[in-house]
């Protein structure tokens, strides 16, 4: 997430959220997302 925000020229990431869910026994899916912002 940080690398993608830097690639877009963002100055910060706000409202970062994490989510996870069980896919199958012994495995889980983890998602992280937020909003990249550019200060003017």
PDB file of N, CA and C in Angstrom:
ATOM      1  N   UNK A   1       0.825  -1.170   0.000  1.00  0.00           N
ATOM      2  CA  UNK A   1       0.000   0.000   0.000  1.00  0.00           C
ATOM      3  C   UNK A   1       0.880   1.248   0.000  1.00  0.00           C
ATOM      4  N   UNK A   2       1.909   1.257   0.805  1.00  0.00           N
ATOM      5  CA  UNK A   2       2.804   2.412   0.863  1.00  0.00           C
ATOM      6  C   UNK A   2       3.528   2.592  -0.468  1.00  0.00           C
ATOM      7  N   UNK A   3       4.010   1.510  -1.040  1.00  0.00           N
ATOM      8  CA  UNK A   3       4.727   1.591  -2.316  1.00  0.00           C
ATOM      9  C   UNK A   3       3.818   2.124  -3.426  1.00  0.00           C
ATOM     10  N   UNK A   4       2.563   1.696  -3.450  1.00  0.00           N
ATOM     11  CA  UNK A   4       1.641   2.181  -4.472  1.00  0.00           C
ATOM     12  C   UNK A   4       1.326   3.662  -4.273  1.00  0.00           C
ATOM     13  N   UNK A   5       1.169   4.085  -3.029  1.00  0.00           N
ATOM     14  CA  UNK A   5       0.898   5.497  -2.761  1.00  0.00           C
ATOM     15  C   UNK A   5       2.090   6.356  -3.176  1.00  0.00           C
ATOM     16  N   UNK A   6       3.305   5.902  -2.873  1.00  0.00           N
ATOM     17  CA  UNK A   6       4.499   6.642  -3.282  1.00  0.00           C
ATOM     18  C   UNK A   6       4.603   6.720  -4.797  1.00  0.00           C
ATOM     19  N   UNK A   7       4.265   5.640  -5.483  1.00  0.00           N
ATOM     20  CA  UNK A   7       4.333   5.615  -6.949  1.00  0.00           C
ATOM     21  C   UNK A   7       3.354   6.613  -7.566  1.00  0.00           C
ATOM     22  N   UNK A   8       2.241   6.886  -6.875  1.00  0.00           N
ATOM     23  CA  UNK A   8       1.261   7.848  -7.371  1.00  0.00           C
ATOM     24  C   UNK A   8       1.599   9.274  -6.956  1.00  0.00           C
ATOM     25  N   UNK A   9       2.666   9.450  -6.174  1.00  0.00           N
ATOM     26  CA  UNK A   9       3.059  10.775  -5.730  1.00  0.00           C
ATOM     27  C   UNK A   9       2.311  11.265  -4.503  1.00  0.00           C
ATOM     28  N   UNK A  10       1.729  10.355  -3.758  1.00  0.00           N
ATOM     29  CA  UNK A  10       0.959  10.734  -2.567  1.00  0.00           C
ATOM     30  C   UNK A  10       1.888  11.162  -1.436  1.00  0.00           C
ATOM     31  N   UNK A  11       1.382  12.061  -0.595  1.00  0.00           N
ATOM     32  CA  UNK A  11       2.127  12.502   0.578  1.00  0.00           C
ATOM     33  C   UNK A  11       1.768  11.699   1.827  1.00  0.00           C
ATOM     34  N   UNK A  12       0.584  11.115   1.845  1.00  0.00           N
ATOM     35  CA  UNK A  12       0.139  10.382   3.022  1.00  0.00           C
ATOM     36  C   UNK A  12      -0.965   9.395   2.650  1.00  0.00           C
ATOM     37  N   UNK A  13      -1.217   8.478   3.561  1.00  0.00           N
ATOM     38  CA  UNK A  13      -2.343   7.546   3.441  1.00  0.00           C
ATOM     39  C   UNK A  13      -3.235   7.798   4.641  1.00  0.00           C
ATOM     40  N   UNK A  14      -4.508   8.051   4.392  1.00  0.00           N
ATOM     41  CA  UNK A  14      -5.454   8.293   5.484  1.00  0.00           C
ATOM     42  C   UNK A  14      -6.523   7.211   5.474  1.00  0.00           C
ATOM     43  N   UNK A  15      -7.156   7.024   6.603  1.00  0.00           N
ATOM     44  CA  UNK A  15      -8.249   6.066   6.756  1.00  0.00           C
ATOM     45  C   UNK A  15      -7.841   4.648   6.338  1.00  0.00           C
ATOM     46  N   UNK A  16      -6.671   4.198   6.783  1.00  0.00           N
ATOM     47  CA  UNK A  16      -6.226   2.839   6.469  1.00  0.00           C
ATOM     48  C   UNK A  16      -7.107   1.829   7.195  1.00  0.00           C
ATOM     49  N   UNK A  17      -7.515   0.784   6.485  1.00  0.00           N
ATOM     50  CA  UNK A  17      -8.385  -0.247   7.045  1.00  0.00           C
ATOM     51  C   UNK A  17      -7.817  -1.633   6.712  1.00  0.00           C
ATOM     52  N   UNK A  18      -8.065  -2.568   7.590  1.00  0.00           N
ATOM     53  CA  UNK A  18      -7.635  -3.945   7.403  1.00  0.00           C
ATOM     54  C   UNK A  18      -8.833  -4.860   7.550  1.00  0.00           C
ATOM     55  N   UNK A  19      -8.842  -5.913   6.770  1.00  0.00           N
ATOM     56  CA  UNK A  19      -9.930  -6.876   6.828  1.00  0.00           C
ATOM     57  C   UNK A  19      -9.354  -8.268   6.596  1.00  0.00           C
ATOM     58  N   UNK A  20      -9.930  -9.257   7.223  1.00  0.00           N
ATOM     59  CA  UNK A  20      -9.485 -10.633   6.987  1.00  0.00           C
ATOM     60  C   UNK A  20     -10.689 -11.560   6.974  1.00  0.00           C
ATOM     61  N   UNK A  21     -10.521 -12.654   6.267  1.00  0.00           N
ATOM     62  CA  UNK A  21     -11.578 -13.664   6.228  1.00  0.00           C
ATOM     63  C   UNK A  21     -10.940 -15.023   6.003  1.00  0.00           C
ATOM     64  N   UNK A  22     -11.571 -16.049   6.534  1.00  0.00           N
ATOM     65  CA  UNK A  22     -11.084 -17.406   6.370  1.00  0.00           C
ATOM     66  C   UNK A  22     -11.432 -17.903   4.969  1.00  0.00           C
ATOM     67  N   UNK A  23     -10.427 -18.375   4.248  1.00  0.00           N
ATOM     68  CA  UNK A  23     -10.646 -18.894   2.901  1.00  0.00           C
ATOM     69  C   UNK A  23     -10.904 -20.393   2.972  1.00  0.00           C
ATOM     70  N   UNK A  24     -10.057 -21.068   3.689  1.00  0.00           N
ATOM     71  CA  UNK A  24     -10.184 -22.507   3.906  1.00  0.00           C
ATOM     72  C   UNK A  24      -9.468 -22.827   5.210  1.00  0.00           C
ATOM     73  N   UNK A  25      -9.543 -24.037   5.665  1.00  0.00           N
ATOM     74  CA  UNK A  25      -8.903 -24.401   6.918  1.00  0.00           C
ATOM     75  C   UNK A  25      -7.396 -24.163   6.818  1.00  0.00           C
ATOM     76  N   UNK A  26      -6.868 -23.348   7.714  1.00  0.00           N
ATOM     77  CA  UNK A  26      -5.430 -23.069   7.728  1.00  0.00           C
ATOM     78  C   UNK A  26      -4.997 -21.936   6.810  1.00  0.00           C
ATOM     79  N   UNK A  27      -5.945 -21.266   6.146  1.00  0.00           N
ATOM     80  CA  UNK A  27      -5.594 -20.165   5.243  1.00  0.00           C
ATOM     81  C   UNK A  27      -6.566 -19.009   5.450  1.00  0.00           C
ATOM     82  N   UNK A  28      -6.027 -17.813   5.341  1.00  0.00           N
ATOM     83  CA  UNK A  28      -6.865 -16.628   5.488  1.00  0.00           C
ATOM     84  C   UNK A  28      -6.483 -15.601   4.431  1.00  0.00           C
ATOM     85  N   UNK A  29      -7.438 -14.784   4.095  1.00  0.00           N
ATOM     86  CA  UNK A  29      -7.221 -13.695   3.149  1.00  0.00           C
ATOM     87  C   UNK A  29      -7.157 -12.406   3.973  1.00  0.00           C
ATOM     88  N   UNK A  30      -6.094 -11.617   3.759  1.00  0.00           N
ATOM     89  CA  UNK A  30      -5.939 -10.360   4.484  1.00  0.00           C
ATOM     90  C   UNK A  30      -5.883  -9.232   3.469  1.00  0.00           C
ATOM     91  N   UNK A  31      -6.702  -8.203   3.689  1.00  0.00           N
ATOM     92  CA  UNK A  31      -6.743  -7.054   2.779  1.00  0.00           C
ATOM     93  C   UNK A  31      -6.447  -5.794   3.574  1.00  0.00           C
ATOM     94  N   UNK A  32      -5.665  -4.898   2.975  1.00  0.00           N
ATOM     95  CA  UNK A  32      -5.388  -3.595   3.572  1.00  0.00           C
ATOM     96  C   UNK A  32      -5.648  -2.550   2.505  1.00  0.00           C
ATOM     97  N   UNK A  33      -6.369  -1.514   2.872  1.00  0.00           N
ATOM     98  CA  UNK A  33      -6.643  -0.458   1.904  1.00  0.00           C
ATOM     99  C   UNK A  33      -6.801   0.869   2.629  1.00  0.00           C
ATOM    100  N   UNK A  34      -6.572   1.938   1.900  1.00  0.00           N
ATOM    101  CA  UNK A  34      -6.690   3.272   2.459  1.00  0.00           C
ATOM    102  C   UNK A  34      -6.796   4.283   1.326  1.00  0.00           C
ATOM    103  N   UNK A  35      -6.800   5.535   1.691  1.00  0.00           N
ATOM    104  CA  UNK A  35      -6.918   6.600   0.710  1.00  0.00           C
ATOM    105  C   UNK A  35      -5.609   7.371   0.647  1.00  0.00           C
ATOM    106  N   UNK A  36      -4.996   7.406  -0.528  1.00  0.00           N
ATOM    107  CA  UNK A  36      -3.757   8.157  -0.721  1.00  0.00           C
ATOM    108  C   UNK A  36      -4.114   9.616  -1.013  1.00  0.00           C
ATOM    109  N   UNK A  37      -3.413  10.548  -0.347  1.00  0.00           N
ATOM    110  CA  UNK A  37      -3.719  11.967  -0.546  1.00  0.00           C
ATOM    111  C   UNK A  37      -2.453  12.740  -0.903  1.00  0.00           C
ATOM    112  N   UNK A  38      -2.649  13.816  -1.635  1.00  0.00           N
ATOM    113  CA  UNK A  38      -1.569  14.733  -2.025  1.00  0.00           C
ATOM    114  C   UNK A  38      -1.896  16.096  -1.429  1.00  0.00           C
ATOM    115  N   UNK A  39      -1.001  16.634  -0.630  1.00  0.00           N
ATOM    116  CA  UNK A  39      -1.207  17.952  -0.036  1.00  0.00           C
ATOM    117  C   UNK A  39      -0.833  19.029  -1.043  1.00  0.00           C
ATOM    118  N   UNK A  40      -1.633  20.094  -1.101  1.00  0.00           N
ATOM    119  CA  UNK A  40      -1.319  21.192  -2.018  1.00  0.00           C
ATOM    120  C   UNK A  40      -1.016  22.455  -1.252  1.00  0.00           C
TER     121      UNK A  40
END
